[in-house]
Amino acid sequence: MTTPILVTGGTGTLGRLVTARLRAAGQPVRVLSRRAQAASEGIEFTTGDLETGAGVERAVDGVTTIVHCAGSAKRDDVKARNLVTAAKPAGAQHVVNISVVGADRVPVVSGVDRAMFGYFASKRAAEQVIEQSGLAWTNLRATQFYDLVLTVARAMAKLPVIPVPSGVRFQPIDTDDVAARMVELSLGPPAGPAPDIAGPRVYTLDELIRGYLQAAHRRRLFVPMPMVGGAARAIKAGAHLAPDHAVGRRTWEEFLAERV
C-alpha cells in the first residue's frame, strides 16, 4: 500500500491546492491541521501544531514524503525545526519546502525591515533549518501569490486615499501554478534548490491595485509613500523578482476576471 504524503498547512491557500492535485494524481494524503476535520476519500486529517510541536510525531508517522506548506511572517524556523525533529527518526526521506523568491537577497536587519518584510527572513530561516536537518530536501522559491495581492488590494481599497510605495514592483503568480510544481517535485527525487517560479509579468504596485479597482468598478486617489530601510532598498532593486523564471500561466488581469 502506498504511504500517504503529508501536507502541512494542507487547508491553507497553497496547501489545499497541493492536496487536491496529489489526490488527482492518485496519491493518498495526510493533512496536518490545527483543527480537527472529518476524513474524505483518500485524505486523512491529523491534528497538531507545528509551532508547539504538539501532534507532529503522530503526523509524520509512516510517511516518507512531506510537503511543507505551513508558514507565516514569523517563527517559520520554529515550525520547520519541530517538523524535521519529528520526521527524521520517523524515517521521512524527502521534505519539499515552499519559500519565497528573494529569501536570500532581502536583508532583514532593522525593526523597520522586520515590520515590513520580516516574511523573507522567516522563510530563509526555515530553509536553513531544513537544509541542515540531515533529511533529503527540495526547496521551491515562489513570488507572491495573486491571492495575497488580492487580499492586500481589497484592504487598501477600503481607504479613501491609498498610500502606494513608489517604484515597488511585483511579479505575482497564480497559486495553482505553484501547487502544480510542488506536486511535481514531491513525486520526484530530492532536488535541493529547485529553480524559482514566478508569474508571467512584472507590475508596479499601483498597477496591481488599479487593476483590482477597475475590475471591482471602484475609484480611489493614490498618494506616493516613501519606504526606508535596507530591505526596502533591496525590494526596490528587484531582489524579490525572478524575470528569468516567468513561467506562470495566468496574468493578474485574467485572475481578477475570475475572482472579482
Protein backbone atom coordinates (compact mmCIF):
# COMPACT_ATOMS: atom_id res chain seq x y z
CA MET A 1 0.00 0.00 0.00
CA THR A 2 1.31 3.45 -0.92
CA THR A 3 2.22 5.52 2.12
CA PRO A 4 0.45 8.88 2.40
CA ILE A 5 2.18 12.13 1.57
CA LEU A 6 1.99 14.54 4.49
CA VAL A 7 0.94 18.10 3.62
CA THR A 8 1.48 20.67 6.36
CA GLY A 9 -0.75 23.70 6.04
CA GLY A 10 -2.97 21.49 3.91
CA THR A 11 -6.08 23.59 4.50
CA GLY A 12 -4.39 26.89 3.58
CA THR A 13 -4.23 28.85 0.35
CA LEU A 14 -1.47 26.72 -1.20
CA GLY A 15 -1.87 23.53 0.80
CA ARG A 16 -5.46 22.83 -0.20
CA LEU A 17 -4.49 23.05 -3.88
CA VAL A 18 -1.49 20.80 -3.33
CA THR A 19 -3.74 18.30 -1.56
CA ALA A 20 -6.27 18.33 -4.40
CA ARG A 21 -3.58 17.83 -7.02
CA LEU A 22 -1.97 14.98 -5.10
CA ARG A 23 -5.34 13.26 -4.89
CA ALA A 24 -5.89 13.82 -8.63
CA ALA A 25 -2.55 12.07 -9.18
CA GLY A 26 -3.81 9.10 -7.17
CA GLN A 27 -1.75 9.76 -4.05
CA PRO A 28 -3.15 9.22 -0.55
CA VAL A 29 -2.72 12.37 1.52
CA ARG A 30 -2.43 13.13 5.21
CA VAL A 31 -3.10 16.74 6.17
CA LEU A 32 -1.67 18.28 9.33
CA SER A 33 -4.12 20.85 10.65
CA ARG A 34 -4.60 22.69 13.93
CA ARG A 35 -8.32 21.96 13.77
CA ALA A 36 -9.94 18.53 13.61
CA GLN A 37 -11.69 17.69 10.35
CA ALA A 38 -13.50 14.66 9.02
CA ALA A 39 -11.60 12.45 6.59
CA SER A 40 -12.64 12.33 2.95
CA GLU A 41 -11.80 9.84 0.23
CA GLY A 42 -8.03 9.46 0.10
CA ILE A 43 -7.43 12.28 2.61
CA GLU A 44 -6.92 11.83 6.32
CA PHE A 45 -6.58 14.70 8.77
CA THR A 46 -4.40 14.74 11.84
CA THR A 47 -4.50 17.47 14.43
CA GLY A 48 -1.30 19.19 15.53
CA ASP A 49 0.55 22.44 15.95
CA LEU A 50 3.92 22.93 14.32
CA GLU A 51 4.73 25.93 16.50
CA THR A 52 4.44 23.96 19.74
CA GLY A 53 5.27 20.55 18.28
CA ALA A 54 2.06 19.04 19.63
CA GLY A 55 0.81 16.19 17.45
CA VAL A 56 3.69 16.39 14.96
CA GLU A 57 5.14 12.96 15.78
CA ARG A 58 1.75 11.41 15.07
CA ALA A 59 1.50 13.33 11.80
CA VAL A 60 4.86 12.13 10.42
CA ASP A 61 4.42 8.52 11.48
CA GLY A 62 4.65 6.25 8.45
CA VAL A 63 5.20 8.94 5.81
CA THR A 64 8.25 9.17 3.56
CA THR A 65 7.46 12.45 1.76
CA ILE A 66 6.42 15.71 3.39
CA VAL A 67 5.19 18.77 1.52
CA HIS A 68 5.73 21.67 3.90
CA CYS A 69 3.25 24.43 3.03
CA ALA A 70 2.63 25.78 6.54
CA GLY A 71 4.17 29.17 7.16
CA SER A 72 3.69 32.72 8.36
CA ALA A 73 5.51 36.02 8.67
CA LYS A 74 7.48 34.86 11.72
CA ARG A 75 8.73 31.78 13.57
CA ASP A 76 8.85 29.65 10.44
CA ASP A 77 12.19 28.30 11.66
CA VAL A 78 10.49 27.02 14.83
CA LYS A 79 7.82 25.28 12.78
CA ALA A 80 10.41 23.76 10.44
CA ARG A 81 12.56 22.59 13.35
CA ASN A 82 9.65 20.87 15.07
CA LEU A 83 8.76 19.20 11.79
CA VAL A 84 12.21 17.84 10.92
CA THR A 85 12.96 16.87 14.52
CA ALA A 86 9.96 14.55 14.42
CA ALA A 87 10.35 13.50 10.78
CA LYS A 88 13.94 12.29 10.83
CA PRO A 89 13.59 9.47 13.42
CA ALA A 90 10.23 8.55 11.84
CA GLY A 91 12.01 7.64 8.60
CA ALA A 92 10.96 10.51 6.34
CA GLN A 93 13.01 10.58 3.15
CA HIS A 94 12.07 13.83 1.40
CA VAL A 95 10.88 17.26 2.58
CA VAL A 96 9.56 19.61 -0.12
CA ASN A 97 9.51 23.17 1.20
CA ILE A 98 7.86 26.30 -0.18
CA SER A 99 9.76 29.54 0.23
CA VAL A 100 9.84 32.98 -1.35
CA VAL A 101 11.96 34.46 -4.12
CA GLY A 102 14.47 36.82 -2.54
CA ALA A 103 14.66 34.99 0.80
CA ASP A 104 18.45 35.08 0.50
CA ARG A 105 18.64 38.55 -1.08
CA VAL A 106 16.39 40.76 1.04
CA PRO A 107 18.27 41.83 4.19
CA VAL A 108 16.06 42.00 7.28
CA VAL A 109 18.08 43.74 9.98
CA SER A 110 16.29 46.74 11.46
CA GLY A 111 12.93 46.96 13.17
CA VAL A 112 11.56 48.68 10.07
CA ASP A 113 12.83 45.80 7.92
CA ARG A 114 11.17 43.25 10.18
CA ALA A 115 7.89 45.13 10.31
CA MET A 116 7.62 45.47 6.54
CA PHE A 117 9.48 42.47 5.15
CA GLY A 118 10.01 40.01 8.00
CA TYR A 119 8.46 37.29 5.86
CA PHE A 120 11.66 36.98 3.82
CA ALA A 121 13.82 36.38 6.89
CA SER A 122 11.28 33.94 8.31
CA LYS A 123 11.30 31.85 5.14
CA ARG A 124 15.10 31.92 4.89
CA ALA A 125 15.42 30.74 8.48
CA ALA A 126 13.08 27.82 7.72
CA GLU A 127 15.12 26.96 4.63
CA GLN A 128 18.28 26.77 6.70
CA VAL A 129 16.68 24.50 9.30
CA ILE A 130 15.60 22.06 6.60
CA GLU A 131 18.93 22.24 4.75
CA GLN A 132 20.80 21.39 7.95
CA SER A 133 18.39 18.70 9.14
CA GLY A 134 20.14 15.73 7.57
CA LEU A 135 16.97 14.92 5.60
CA ALA A 136 16.86 14.95 1.81
CA TRP A 137 15.09 18.09 0.69
CA THR A 138 13.77 20.20 -2.16
CA ASN A 139 13.22 23.94 -1.81
CA LEU A 140 10.99 25.92 -4.17
CA ARG A 141 11.02 29.71 -4.04
CA ALA A 142 7.97 31.39 -5.50
CA THR A 143 6.97 35.02 -5.93
CA GLN A 144 3.91 36.44 -4.16
CA PHE A 145 0.60 34.70 -4.83
CA TYR A 146 -2.24 36.51 -6.58
CA ASP A 147 -4.44 35.56 -3.61
CA LEU A 148 -2.22 37.58 -1.28
CA VAL A 149 -2.13 40.55 -3.65
CA LEU A 150 -5.93 40.44 -3.88
CA THR A 151 -6.24 40.45 -0.09
CA VAL A 152 -3.96 43.50 0.11
CA ALA A 153 -5.76 45.29 -2.73
CA ARG A 154 -9.16 44.72 -1.12
CA ALA A 155 -7.92 46.07 2.20
CA MET A 156 -6.33 49.14 0.62
CA ALA A 157 -9.46 49.83 -1.43
CA LYS A 158 -11.35 50.42 1.82
CA LEU A 159 -9.26 53.54 2.42
CA PRO A 160 -10.42 56.88 1.00
CA VAL A 161 -6.85 57.55 -0.19
CA ILE A 162 -4.44 54.73 -0.99
CA PRO A 163 -0.76 55.17 0.02
CA VAL A 164 1.43 53.37 -2.50
CA PRO A 165 5.20 52.92 -2.15
CA SER A 166 6.71 54.42 -5.28
CA GLY A 167 8.90 52.32 -7.53
CA VAL A 168 7.96 48.98 -5.97
CA ARG A 169 7.37 46.14 -8.42
CA PHE A 170 5.96 42.64 -8.01
CA GLN A 171 5.84 39.54 -10.19
CA PRO A 172 2.92 37.66 -8.65
CA ILE A 173 1.88 34.17 -9.65
CA ASP A 174 -1.26 32.08 -9.59
CA THR A 175 -1.25 29.82 -6.53
CA ASP A 176 -2.31 26.80 -8.56
CA ASP A 177 0.81 27.10 -10.73
CA VAL A 178 2.89 26.83 -7.57
CA ALA A 179 0.79 23.91 -6.33
CA ALA A 180 1.34 22.05 -9.58
CA ARG A 181 5.09 22.50 -9.30
CA MET A 182 5.12 21.46 -5.64
CA VAL A 183 3.30 18.24 -6.50
CA GLU A 184 5.69 17.56 -9.38
CA LEU A 185 8.65 17.99 -7.05
CA SER A 186 7.08 15.85 -4.32
CA LEU A 187 6.62 12.95 -6.74
CA GLY A 188 10.23 13.15 -7.90
CA PRO A 189 13.58 12.67 -6.18
CA PRO A 190 15.04 15.30 -3.83
CA ALA A 191 16.34 18.20 -5.91
CA GLY A 192 17.86 20.59 -3.36
CA PRO A 193 17.30 24.17 -4.55
CA ALA A 194 14.74 23.97 -7.36
CA PRO A 195 14.53 26.72 -10.00
CA ASP A 196 12.46 29.71 -8.86
CA ILE A 197 8.89 30.04 -10.08
CA ALA A 198 7.35 33.42 -10.90
CA GLY A 199 4.41 34.98 -12.67
CA PRO A 200 4.39 35.95 -16.35
CA ARG A 201 4.56 39.72 -15.81
CA VAL A 202 6.18 42.31 -13.57
CA TYR A 203 3.82 45.02 -12.30
CA THR A 204 4.25 48.13 -10.22
CA LEU A 205 2.21 48.03 -7.03
CA ASP A 206 -0.07 50.81 -8.21
CA GLU A 207 -0.76 48.84 -11.44
CA LEU A 208 -1.87 45.86 -9.38
CA ILE A 209 -4.17 47.95 -7.18
CA ARG A 210 -5.55 49.92 -10.11
CA GLY A 211 -6.27 46.64 -11.87
CA TYR A 212 -8.29 45.49 -8.89
CA LEU A 213 -10.16 48.80 -8.64
CA GLN A 214 -11.06 48.64 -12.32
CA ALA A 215 -12.29 45.04 -12.01
CA ALA A 216 -14.33 45.99 -8.93
CA HIS A 217 -15.67 49.16 -10.58
CA ARG A 218 -14.23 51.38 -7.88
CA ARG A 219 -12.13 54.56 -7.88
CA ARG A 220 -9.63 55.87 -5.36
CA LEU A 221 -6.96 58.54 -5.08
CA PHE A 222 -3.33 57.40 -4.80
CA VAL A 223 -0.63 59.06 -2.71
CA PRO A 224 3.07 58.14 -3.13
CA MET A 225 4.64 56.80 0.06
CA PRO A 226 8.39 56.60 0.72
CA MET A 227 9.98 53.41 2.05
CA VAL A 228 13.09 53.26 4.19
CA GLY A 229 15.48 50.55 5.34
CA GLY A 230 17.81 48.03 3.76
CA ALA A 231 15.05 45.58 2.94
CA ALA A 232 13.07 48.30 1.18
CA ARG A 233 16.10 49.23 -0.93
CA ALA A 234 16.54 45.58 -1.93
CA ILE A 235 12.85 45.31 -2.82
CA LYS A 236 13.01 48.47 -4.93
CA ALA A 237 16.05 46.98 -6.70
CA GLY A 238 14.03 43.87 -7.55
CA ALA A 239 15.61 41.33 -5.18
CA HIS A 240 12.24 39.57 -4.90
CA LEU A 241 11.72 39.25 -8.67
CA ALA A 242 12.62 36.35 -10.97
CA PRO A 243 12.28 37.59 -14.56
CA ASP A 244 14.24 34.60 -15.89
CA HIS A 245 11.67 32.24 -14.36
CA ALA A 246 8.43 33.83 -15.55
CA VAL A 247 6.64 30.52 -16.06
CA GLY A 248 3.24 31.33 -14.55
CA ARG A 249 0.32 30.84 -16.89
CA ARG A 250 -2.25 33.45 -15.83
CA THR A 251 -1.83 37.20 -15.71
CA TRP A 252 -3.20 39.37 -12.91
CA GLU A 253 -5.93 40.59 -15.25
CA GLU A 254 -7.04 37.02 -16.03
CA PHE A 255 -7.04 36.15 -12.35
CA LEU A 256 -9.15 39.19 -11.50
CA ALA A 257 -11.65 38.34 -14.26
CA GLU A 258 -12.39 35.09 -12.41
CA ARG A 259 -12.23 36.32 -8.82
CA VAL A 260 -13.72 39.81 -8.73
